[in-house]
mmCIF file of all heavy atoms, coordinates in Angstrom:
data_MODEL
# 
_entry.id   MODEL 
# 
loop_
_atom_site.group_PDB 
_atom_site.id 
_atom_site.type_symbol 
_atom_site.label_atom_id 
_atom_site.label_alt_id 
_atom_site.label_comp_id 
_atom_site.label_asym_id 
_atom_site.label_entity_id 
_atom_site.label_seq_id 
_atom_site.pdbx_PDB_ins_code 
_atom_site.Cartn_x 
_atom_site.Cartn_y 
_atom_site.Cartn_z 
_atom_site.occupancy 
_atom_site.B_iso_or_equiv 
_atom_site.pdbx_formal_charge 
_atom_site.auth_seq_id 
_atom_site.auth_comp_id 
_atom_site.auth_asym_id 
_atom_site.auth_atom_id 
_atom_site.pdbx_PDB_model_num 
ATOM 1   N N   . PRO A 1 1  ? -35.867 58.517 -1.213 1.00 0.00 ? 1  PRO A N   1 
ATOM 2   C CA  . PRO A 1 1  ? -35.361 57.744 -2.363 1.00 0.00 ? 1  PRO A CA  1 
ATOM 3   C C   . PRO A 1 1  ? -33.845 57.866 -2.516 1.00 0.00 ? 1  PRO A C   1 
ATOM 4   O O   . PRO A 1 1  ? -33.169 56.901 -2.893 1.00 0.00 ? 1  PRO A O   1 
ATOM 5   C CB  . PRO A 1 1  ? -36.102 58.369 -3.567 1.00 0.00 ? 1  PRO A CB  1 
ATOM 6   C CG  . PRO A 1 1  ? -37.277 59.058 -2.970 1.00 0.00 ? 1  PRO A CG  1 
ATOM 7   C CD  . PRO A 1 1  ? -36.876 59.509 -1.614 1.00 0.00 ? 1  PRO A CD  1 
ATOM 8   N N   . ASP A 1 2  ? -33.320 59.054 -2.208 1.00 0.00 ? 2  ASP A N   1 
ATOM 9   C CA  . ASP A 1 2  ? -31.882 59.294 -2.379 1.00 0.00 ? 2  ASP A CA  1 
ATOM 10  C C   . ASP A 1 2  ? -31.411 60.238 -1.280 1.00 0.00 ? 2  ASP A C   1 
ATOM 11  O O   . ASP A 1 2  ? -32.219 60.988 -0.721 1.00 0.00 ? 2  ASP A O   1 
ATOM 12  C CB  . ASP A 1 2  ? -31.579 59.918 -3.744 1.00 0.00 ? 2  ASP A CB  1 
ATOM 13  C CG  . ASP A 1 2  ? -32.091 59.089 -4.901 1.00 0.00 ? 2  ASP A CG  1 
ATOM 14  O OD1 . ASP A 1 2  ? -31.444 58.071 -5.240 1.00 0.00 ? 2  ASP A OD1 1 
ATOM 15  O OD2 . ASP A 1 2  ? -33.168 59.447 -5.436 1.00 0.00 ? 2  ASP A OD2 1 
ATOM 16  N N   . TYR A 1 3  ? -30.117 60.179 -0.982 1.00 0.00 ? 3  TYR A N   1 
ATOM 17  C CA  . TYR A 1 3  ? -29.558 61.180 -0.083 1.00 0.00 ? 3  TYR A CA  1 
ATOM 18  C C   . TYR A 1 3  ? -28.066 61.346 -0.393 1.00 0.00 ? 3  TYR A C   1 
ATOM 19  O O   . TYR A 1 3  ? -27.429 60.433 -0.898 1.00 0.00 ? 3  TYR A O   1 
ATOM 20  C CB  . TYR A 1 3  ? -29.747 60.836 1.388  1.00 0.00 ? 3  TYR A CB  1 
ATOM 21  C CG  . TYR A 1 3  ? -29.061 59.602 1.879  1.00 0.00 ? 3  TYR A CG  1 
ATOM 22  C CD1 . TYR A 1 3  ? -27.711 59.631 2.253  1.00 0.00 ? 3  TYR A CD1 1 
ATOM 23  C CD2 . TYR A 1 3  ? -29.736 58.407 2.047  1.00 0.00 ? 3  TYR A CD2 1 
ATOM 24  C CE1 . TYR A 1 3  ? -27.070 58.510 2.737  1.00 0.00 ? 3  TYR A CE1 1 
ATOM 25  C CE2 . TYR A 1 3  ? -29.109 57.279 2.521  1.00 0.00 ? 3  TYR A CE2 1 
ATOM 26  C CZ  . TYR A 1 3  ? -27.761 57.343 2.873  1.00 0.00 ? 3  TYR A CZ  1 
ATOM 27  O OH  . TYR A 1 3  ? -27.127 56.214 3.339  1.00 0.00 ? 3  TYR A OH  1 
ATOM 28  N N   . LEU A 1 4  ? -27.559 62.538 -0.090 1.00 0.00 ? 4  LEU A N   1 
ATOM 29  C CA  . LEU A 1 4  ? -26.132 62.824 -0.143 1.00 0.00 ? 4  LEU A CA  1 
ATOM 30  C C   . LEU A 1 4  ? -25.593 62.856 1.263  1.00 0.00 ? 4  LEU A C   1 
ATOM 31  O O   . LEU A 1 4  ? -26.155 63.566 2.134  1.00 0.00 ? 4  LEU A O   1 
ATOM 32  C CB  . LEU A 1 4  ? -25.876 64.172 -0.809 1.00 0.00 ? 4  LEU A CB  1 
ATOM 33  C CG  . LEU A 1 4  ? -25.936 64.258 -2.323 1.00 0.00 ? 4  LEU A CG  1 
ATOM 34  C CD1 . LEU A 1 4  ? -25.613 65.677 -2.765 1.00 0.00 ? 4  LEU A CD1 1 
ATOM 35  C CD2 . LEU A 1 4  ? -24.988 63.257 -2.983 1.00 0.00 ? 4  LEU A CD2 1 
ATOM 36  N N   . CYS A 1 5  ? -24.564 62.091 1.520  1.00 0.00 ? 5  CYS A N   1 
ATOM 37  C CA  . CYS A 1 5  ? -23.918 62.097 2.844  1.00 0.00 ? 5  CYS A CA  1 
ATOM 38  C C   . CYS A 1 5  ? -22.732 63.037 2.799  1.00 0.00 ? 5  CYS A C   1 
ATOM 39  O O   . CYS A 1 5  ? -21.723 62.739 2.137  1.00 0.00 ? 5  CYS A O   1 
ATOM 40  C CB  . CYS A 1 5  ? -23.501 60.678 3.231  1.00 0.00 ? 5  CYS A CB  1 
ATOM 41  S SG  . CYS A 1 5  ? -22.607 60.627 4.808  1.00 0.00 ? 5  CYS A SG  1 
ATOM 42  N N   . MET A 1 6  ? -22.817 64.136 3.498  1.00 0.00 ? 6  MET A N   1 
ATOM 43  C CA  . MET A 1 6  ? -21.741 65.113 3.536  1.00 0.00 ? 6  MET A CA  1 
ATOM 44  C C   . MET A 1 6  ? -20.736 64.781 4.656  1.00 0.00 ? 6  MET A C   1 
ATOM 45  O O   . MET A 1 6  ? -21.011 63.943 5.505  1.00 0.00 ? 6  MET A O   1 
ATOM 46  C CB  . MET A 1 6  ? -22.295 66.531 3.702  1.00 0.00 ? 6  MET A CB  1 
ATOM 47  C CG  . MET A 1 6  ? -23.371 66.922 2.710  1.00 0.00 ? 6  MET A CG  1 
ATOM 48  S SD  . MET A 1 6  ? -22.900 66.587 0.992  1.00 0.00 ? 6  MET A SD  1 
ATOM 49  C CE  . MET A 1 6  ? -21.474 67.683 0.830  1.00 0.00 ? 6  MET A CE  1 
ATOM 50  N N   . ASP A 1 7  ? -19.605 65.455 4.626  1.00 0.00 ? 7  ASP A N   1 
ATOM 51  C CA  . ASP A 1 7  ? -18.552 65.182 5.583  1.00 0.00 ? 7  ASP A CA  1 
ATOM 52  C C   . ASP A 1 7  ? -17.695 66.410 5.735  1.00 0.00 ? 7  ASP A C   1 
ATOM 53  O O   . ASP A 1 7  ? -16.873 66.728 4.864  1.00 0.00 ? 7  ASP A O   1 
ATOM 54  C CB  . ASP A 1 7  ? -17.719 63.985 5.064  1.00 0.00 ? 7  ASP A CB  1 
ATOM 55  C CG  . ASP A 1 7  ? -16.393 63.850 5.801  1.00 0.00 ? 7  ASP A CG  1 
ATOM 56  O OD1 . ASP A 1 7  ? -16.404 63.781 7.030  1.00 0.00 ? 7  ASP A OD1 1 
ATOM 57  O OD2 . ASP A 1 7  ? -15.345 63.773 5.116  1.00 0.00 ? 7  ASP A OD2 1 
ATOM 58  N N   . GLY A 1 8  ? -17.877 67.125 6.838  1.00 0.00 ? 8  GLY A N   1 
ATOM 59  C CA  . GLY A 1 8  ? -17.044 68.280 7.129  1.00 0.00 ? 8  GLY A CA  1 
ATOM 60  C C   . GLY A 1 8  ? -16.743 68.298 8.625  1.00 0.00 ? 8  GLY A C   1 
ATOM 61  O O   . GLY A 1 8  ? -17.398 67.592 9.388  1.00 0.00 ? 8  GLY A O   1 
ATOM 62  N N   . THR A 1 9  ? -15.761 69.059 9.020  1.00 0.00 ? 9  THR A N   1 
ATOM 63  C CA  . THR A 1 9  ? -15.374 69.123 10.424 1.00 0.00 ? 9  THR A CA  1 
ATOM 64  C C   . THR A 1 9  ? -15.279 70.575 10.873 1.00 0.00 ? 9  THR A C   1 
ATOM 65  O O   . THR A 1 9  ? -14.764 71.416 10.146 1.00 0.00 ? 9  THR A O   1 
ATOM 66  C CB  . THR A 1 9  ? -14.027 68.412 10.646 1.00 0.00 ? 9  THR A CB  1 
ATOM 67  O OG1 . THR A 1 9  ? -14.147 67.054 10.191 1.00 0.00 ? 9  THR A OG1 1 
ATOM 68  C CG2 . THR A 1 9  ? -13.652 68.377 12.120 1.00 0.00 ? 9  THR A CG2 1 
ATOM 69  N N   . ILE A 1 10 ? -15.787 70.812 12.093 1.00 0.00 ? 10 ILE A N   1 
ATOM 70  C CA  . ILE A 1 10 ? -15.822 72.169 12.635 1.00 0.00 ? 10 ILE A CA  1 
ATOM 71  C C   . ILE A 1 10 ? -15.296 72.173 14.069 1.00 0.00 ? 10 ILE A C   1 
ATOM 72  O O   . ILE A 1 10 ? -15.245 71.113 14.718 1.00 0.00 ? 10 ILE A O   1 
ATOM 73  C CB  . ILE A 1 10 ? -17.268 72.720 12.629 1.00 0.00 ? 10 ILE A CB  1 
ATOM 74  C CG1 . ILE A 1 10 ? -18.194 71.857 13.506 1.00 0.00 ? 10 ILE A CG1 1 
ATOM 75  C CG2 . ILE A 1 10 ? -17.807 72.835 11.214 1.00 0.00 ? 10 ILE A CG2 1 
ATOM 76  C CD1 . ILE A 1 10 ? -19.571 72.416 13.734 1.00 0.00 ? 10 ILE A CD1 1 
ATOM 77  N N   . PRO A 1 11 ? -14.895 73.341 14.563 1.00 0.00 ? 11 PRO A N   1 
ATOM 78  C CA  . PRO A 1 11 ? -14.584 73.432 16.003 1.00 0.00 ? 11 PRO A CA  1 
ATOM 79  C C   . PRO A 1 11 ? -15.860 73.103 16.804 1.00 0.00 ? 11 PRO A C   1 
ATOM 80  O O   . PRO A 1 11 ? -16.955 73.519 16.451 1.00 0.00 ? 11 PRO A O   1 
ATOM 81  C CB  . PRO A 1 11 ? -14.164 74.887 16.191 1.00 0.00 ? 11 PRO A CB  1 
ATOM 82  C CG  . PRO A 1 11 ? -13.784 75.363 14.820 1.00 0.00 ? 11 PRO A CG  1 
ATOM 83  C CD  . PRO A 1 11 ? -14.662 74.622 13.874 1.00 0.00 ? 11 PRO A CD  1 
ATOM 84  N N   . ARG A 1 12 ? -15.698 72.371 17.903 1.00 0.00 ? 12 ARG A N   1 
ATOM 85  C CA  . ARG A 1 12 ? -16.884 71.966 18.677 1.00 0.00 ? 12 ARG A CA  1 
ATOM 86  C C   . ARG A 1 12 ? -17.721 73.162 19.105 1.00 0.00 ? 12 ARG A C   1 
ATOM 87  O O   . ARG A 1 12 ? -18.955 73.080 19.141 1.00 0.00 ? 12 ARG A O   1 
ATOM 88  C CB  . ARG A 1 12 ? -16.452 71.164 19.900 1.00 0.00 ? 12 ARG A CB  1 
ATOM 89  C CG  . ARG A 1 12 ? -16.031 69.731 19.593 1.00 0.00 ? 12 ARG A CG  1 
ATOM 90  C CD  . ARG A 1 12 ? -15.677 68.997 20.848 1.00 0.00 ? 12 ARG A CD  1 
ATOM 91  N NE  . ARG A 1 12 ? -14.444 69.492 21.439 1.00 0.00 ? 12 ARG A NE  1 
ATOM 92  C CZ  . ARG A 1 12 ? -13.250 68.987 21.253 1.00 0.00 ? 12 ARG A CZ  1 
ATOM 93  N NH1 . ARG A 1 12 ? -13.097 67.951 20.431 1.00 0.00 ? 12 ARG A NH1 1 
ATOM 94  N NH2 . ARG A 1 12 ? -12.172 69.486 21.822 1.00 0.00 ? 12 ARG A NH2 1 
ATOM 95  N N   . ALA A 1 13 ? -17.060 74.282 19.433 1.00 0.00 ? 13 ALA A N   1 
ATOM 96  C CA  . ALA A 1 13 ? -17.799 75.455 19.937 1.00 0.00 ? 13 ALA A CA  1 
ATOM 97  C C   . ALA A 1 13 ? -18.744 76.015 18.865 1.00 0.00 ? 13 ALA A C   1 
ATOM 98  O O   . ALA A 1 13 ? -19.691 76.707 19.201 1.00 0.00 ? 13 ALA A O   1 
ATOM 99  C CB  . ALA A 1 13 ? -16.825 76.532 20.405 1.00 0.00 ? 13 ALA A CB  1 
ATOM 100 N N   . ALA A 1 14 ? -18.473 75.703 17.604 1.00 0.00 ? 14 ALA A N   1 
ATOM 101 C CA  . ALA A 1 14 ? -19.299 76.247 16.507 1.00 0.00 ? 14 ALA A CA  1 
ATOM 102 C C   . ALA A 1 14 ? -20.501 75.391 16.209 1.00 0.00 ? 14 ALA A C   1 
ATOM 103 O O   . ALA A 1 14 ? -21.305 75.738 15.348 1.00 0.00 ? 14 ALA A O   1 
ATOM 104 C CB  . ALA A 1 14 ? -18.448 76.412 15.252 1.00 0.00 ? 14 ALA A CB  1 
ATOM 105 N N   . LEU A 1 15 ? -20.677 74.262 16.906 1.00 0.00 ? 15 LEU A N   1 
ATOM 106 C CA  . LEU A 1 15 ? -21.741 73.329 16.580 1.00 0.00 ? 15 LEU A CA  1 
ATOM 107 C C   . LEU A 1 15 ? -23.143 73.956 16.654 1.00 0.00 ? 15 LEU A C   1 
ATOM 108 O O   . LEU A 1 15 ? -23.929 73.808 15.731 1.00 0.00 ? 15 LEU A O   1 
ATOM 109 C CB  . LEU A 1 15 ? -21.639 72.104 17.496 1.00 0.00 ? 15 LEU A CB  1 
ATOM 110 C CG  . LEU A 1 15 ? -22.546 70.918 17.156 1.00 0.00 ? 15 LEU A CG  1 
ATOM 111 C CD1 . LEU A 1 15 ? -22.356 70.456 15.722 1.00 0.00 ? 15 LEU A CD1 1 
ATOM 112 C CD2 . LEU A 1 15 ? -22.271 69.755 18.134 1.00 0.00 ? 15 LEU A CD2 1 
ATOM 113 N N   . PRO A 1 16 ? -23.492 74.673 17.730 1.00 0.00 ? 16 PRO A N   1 
ATOM 114 C CA  . PRO A 1 16 ? -24.837 75.289 17.752 1.00 0.00 ? 16 PRO A CA  1 
ATOM 115 C C   . PRO A 1 16 ? -25.088 76.238 16.581 1.00 0.00 ? 16 PRO A C   1 
ATOM 116 O O   . PRO A 1 16 ? -26.157 76.213 15.970 1.00 0.00 ? 16 PRO A O   1 
ATOM 117 C CB  . PRO A 1 16 ? -24.869 76.026 19.113 1.00 0.00 ? 16 PRO A CB  1 
ATOM 118 C CG  . PRO A 1 16 ? -23.866 75.308 19.951 1.00 0.00 ? 16 PRO A CG  1 
ATOM 119 C CD  . PRO A 1 16 ? -22.786 74.888 19.003 1.00 0.00 ? 16 PRO A CD  1 
ATOM 120 N N   . LEU A 1 17 ? -24.086 77.072 16.242 1.00 0.00 ? 17 LEU A N   1 
ATOM 121 C CA  . LEU A 1 17 ? -24.228 78.009 15.134 1.00 0.00 ? 17 LEU A CA  1 
ATOM 122 C C   . LEU A 1 17 ? -24.433 77.255 13.825 1.00 0.00 ? 17 LEU A C   1 
ATOM 123 O O   . LEU A 1 17 ? -25.302 77.615 13.013 1.00 0.00 ? 17 LEU A O   1 
ATOM 124 C CB  . LEU A 1 17 ? -22.977 78.902 15.054 1.00 0.00 ? 17 LEU A CB  1 
ATOM 125 C CG  . LEU A 1 17 ? -22.862 79.752 13.780 1.00 0.00 ? 17 LEU A CG  1 
ATOM 126 C CD1 . LEU A 1 17 ? -23.993 80.762 13.691 1.00 0.00 ? 17 LEU A CD1 1 
ATOM 127 C CD2 . LEU A 1 17 ? -21.481 80.437 13.738 1.00 0.00 ? 17 LEU A CD2 1 
ATOM 128 N N   . VAL A 1 18 ? -23.614 76.257 13.561 1.00 0.00 ? 18 VAL A N   1 
ATOM 129 C CA  . VAL A 1 18 ? -23.679 75.525 12.314 1.00 0.00 ? 18 VAL A CA  1 
ATOM 130 C C   . VAL A 1 18 ? -25.012 74.790 12.176 1.00 0.00 ? 18 VAL A C   1 
ATOM 131 O O   . VAL A 1 18 ? -25.625 74.774 11.098 1.00 0.00 ? 18 VAL A O   1 
ATOM 132 C CB  . VAL A 1 18 ? -22.499 74.531 12.200 1.00 0.00 ? 18 VAL A CB  1 
ATOM 133 C CG1 . VAL A 1 18 ? -22.702 73.587 11.029 1.00 0.00 ? 18 VAL A CG1 1 
ATOM 134 C CG2 . VAL A 1 18 ? -21.184 75.283 12.060 1.00 0.00 ? 18 VAL A CG2 1 
ATOM 135 N N   . LEU A 1 19 ? -25.519 74.224 13.259 1.00 0.00 ? 19 LEU A N   1 
ATOM 136 C CA  . LEU A 1 19 ? -26.809 73.557 13.214 1.00 0.00 ? 19 LEU A CA  1 
ATOM 137 C C   . LEU A 1 19 ? -27.922 74.546 12.866 1.00 0.00 ? 19 LEU A C   1 
ATOM 138 O O   . LEU A 1 19 ? -28.808 74.229 12.066 1.00 0.00 ? 19 LEU A O   1 
ATOM 139 C CB  . LEU A 1 19 ? -27.110 72.883 14.565 1.00 0.00 ? 19 LEU A CB  1 
ATOM 140 C CG  . LEU A 1 19 ? -26.265 71.660 14.876 1.00 0.00 ? 19 LEU A CG  1 
ATOM 141 C CD1 . LEU A 1 19 ? -26.470 71.196 16.321 1.00 0.00 ? 19 LEU A CD1 1 
ATOM 142 C CD2 . LEU A 1 19 ? -26.566 70.519 13.925 1.00 0.00 ? 19 LEU A CD2 1 
ATOM 143 N N   . ALA A 1 20 ? -27.887 75.722 13.462 1.00 0.00 ? 20 ALA A N   1 
ATOM 144 C CA  . ALA A 1 20 ? -28.899 76.726 13.164 1.00 0.00 ? 20 ALA A CA  1 
ATOM 145 C C   . ALA A 1 20 ? -28.830 77.174 11.689 1.00 0.00 ? 20 ALA A C   1 
ATOM 146 O O   . ALA A 1 20 ? -29.850 77.323 11.012 1.00 0.00 ? 20 ALA A O   1 
ATOM 147 C CB  . ALA A 1 20 ? -28.716 77.934 14.089 1.00 0.00 ? 20 ALA A CB  1 
ATOM 148 N N   . ARG A 1 21 ? -27.621 77.359 11.184 1.00 0.00 ? 21 ARG A N   1 
ATOM 149 C CA  . ARG A 1 21 ? -27.437 77.780 9.774  1.00 0.00 ? 21 ARG A CA  1 
ATOM 150 C C   . ARG A 1 21 ? -27.917 76.687 8.836  1.00 0.00 ? 21 ARG A C   1 
ATOM 151 O O   . ARG A 1 21 ? -28.484 76.957 7.772  1.00 0.00 ? 21 ARG A O   1 
ATOM 152 C CB  . ARG A 1 21 ? -25.972 78.124 9.540  1.00 0.00 ? 21 ARG A CB  1 
ATOM 153 C CG  . ARG A 1 21 ? -25.498 79.391 10.246 1.00 0.00 ? 21 ARG A CG  1 
ATOM 154 C CD  . ARG A 1 21 ? -25.813 80.640 9.429  1.00 0.00 ? 21 ARG A CD  1 
ATOM 155 N NE  . ARG A 1 21 ? -25.064 80.655 8.175  1.00 0.00 ? 21 ARG A NE  1 
ATOM 156 C CZ  . ARG A 1 21 ? -23.813 81.121 8.041  1.00 0.00 ? 21 ARG A CZ  1 
ATOM 157 N NH1 . ARG A 1 21 ? -23.151 81.599 9.078  1.00 0.00 ? 21 ARG A NH1 1 
ATOM 158 N NH2 . ARG A 1 21 ? -23.226 81.106 6.863  1.00 0.00 ? 21 ARG A NH2 1 
ATOM 159 N N   . MET A 1 22 ? -27.681 75.424 9.188  1.00 0.00 ? 22 MET A N   1 
ATOM 160 C CA  . MET A 1 22 ? -28.123 74.335 8.321  1.00 0.00 ? 22 MET A CA  1 
ATOM 161 C C   . MET A 1 22 ? -29.646 74.264 8.245  1.00 0.00 ? 22 MET A C   1 
ATOM 162 O O   . MET A 1 22 ? -30.184 73.937 7.194  1.00 0.00 ? 22 MET A O   1 
ATOM 163 C CB  . MET A 1 22 ? -27.539 73.004 8.777  1.00 0.00 ? 22 MET A CB  1 
ATOM 164 C CG  . MET A 1 22 ? -26.119 72.765 8.319  1.00 0.00 ? 22 MET A CG  1 
ATOM 165 S SD  . MET A 1 22 ? -25.646 71.019 8.368  1.00 0.00 ? 22 MET A SD  1 
ATOM 166 C CE  . MET A 1 22 ? -25.374 70.797 10.113 1.00 0.00 ? 22 MET A CE  1 
ATOM 167 N N   . ARG A 1 23 ? -30.310 74.579 9.333  1.00 0.00 ? 23 ARG A N   1 
ATOM 168 C CA  . ARG A 1 23 ? -31.769 74.616 9.288  1.00 0.00 ? 23 ARG A CA  1 
ATOM 169 C C   . ARG A 1 23 ? -32.263 75.692 8.343  1.00 0.00 ? 23 ARG A C   1 
ATOM 170 O O   . ARG A 1 23 ? -33.214 75.505 7.590  1.00 0.00 ? 23 ARG A O   1 
ATOM 171 C CB  . ARG A 1 23 ? -32.336 74.832 10.699 1.00 0.00 ? 23 ARG A CB  1 
ATOM 172 C CG  . ARG A 1 23 ? -32.468 73.558 11.508 1.00 0.00 ? 23 ARG A CG  1 
ATOM 173 C CD  . ARG A 1 23 ? -33.443 73.735 12.673 1.00 0.00 ? 23 ARG A CD  1 
ATOM 174 N NE  . ARG A 1 23 ? -32.986 74.816 13.574 1.00 0.00 ? 23 ARG A NE  1 
ATOM 175 C CZ  . ARG A 1 23 ? -32.155 74.624 14.575 1.00 0.00 ? 23 ARG A CZ  1 
ATOM 176 N NH1 . ARG A 1 23 ? -31.651 73.430 14.809 1.00 0.00 ? 23 ARG A NH1 1 
ATOM 177 N NH2 . ARG A 1 23 ? -31.812 75.609 15.357 1.00 0.00 ? 23 ARG A NH2 1 
ATOM 178 N N   . GLN A 1 24 ? -31.596 76.850 8.360  1.00 0.00 ? 24 GLN A N   1 
ATOM 179 C CA  . GLN A 1 24 ? -31.950 77.922 7.430  1.00 0.00 ? 24 GLN A CA  1 
ATOM 180 C C   . GLN A 1 24 ? -31.712 77.486 5.982  1.00 0.00 ? 24 GLN A C   1 
ATOM 181 O O   . GLN A 1 24 ? -32.552 77.760 5.104  1.00 0.00 ? 24 GLN A O   1 
ATOM 182 C CB  . GLN A 1 24 ? -31.134 79.155 7.766  1.00 0.00 ? 24 GLN A CB  1 
ATOM 183 C CG  . GLN A 1 24 ? -31.424 79.777 9.116  1.00 0.00 ? 24 GLN A CG  1 
ATOM 184 C CD  . GLN A 1 24 ? -30.450 80.895 9.471  1.00 0.00 ? 24 GLN A CD  1 
ATOM 185 O OE1 . GLN A 1 24 ? -29.557 81.216 8.697  1.00 0.00 ? 24 GLN A OE1 1 
ATOM 186 N NE2 . GLN A 1 24 ? -30.605 81.462 10.658 1.00 0.00 ? 24 GLN A NE2 1 
ATOM 187 N N   . MET A 1 25 ? -30.599 76.809 5.720  1.00 0.00 ? 25 MET A N   1 
ATOM 188 C CA  . MET A 1 25 ? -30.315 76.320 4.379  1.00 0.00 ? 25 MET A CA  1 
ATOM 189 C C   . MET A 1 25 ? -31.349 75.306 3.929  1.00 0.00 ? 25 MET A C   1 
ATOM 190 O O   . MET A 1 25 ? -31.741 75.285 2.759  1.00 0.00 ? 25 MET A O   1 
ATOM 191 C CB  . MET A 1 25 ? -28.924 75.694 4.325  1.00 0.00 ? 25 MET A CB  1 
ATOM 192 C CG  . MET A 1 25 ? -27.767 76.625 4.525  1.00 0.00 ? 25 MET A CG  1 
ATOM 193 S SD  . MET A 1 25 ? -26.202 75.689 4.458  1.00 0.00 ? 25 MET A SD  1 
ATOM 194 C CE  . MET A 1 25 ? -25.076 76.944 5.087  1.00 0.00 ? 25 MET A CE  1 
# 
């Protein structure tokens, strides 16, 4: 029904870590 579209930027090397942390969140 609704969604929030976020927008942030990270170093490419941090992508796997950030994806894993987002799943935990």
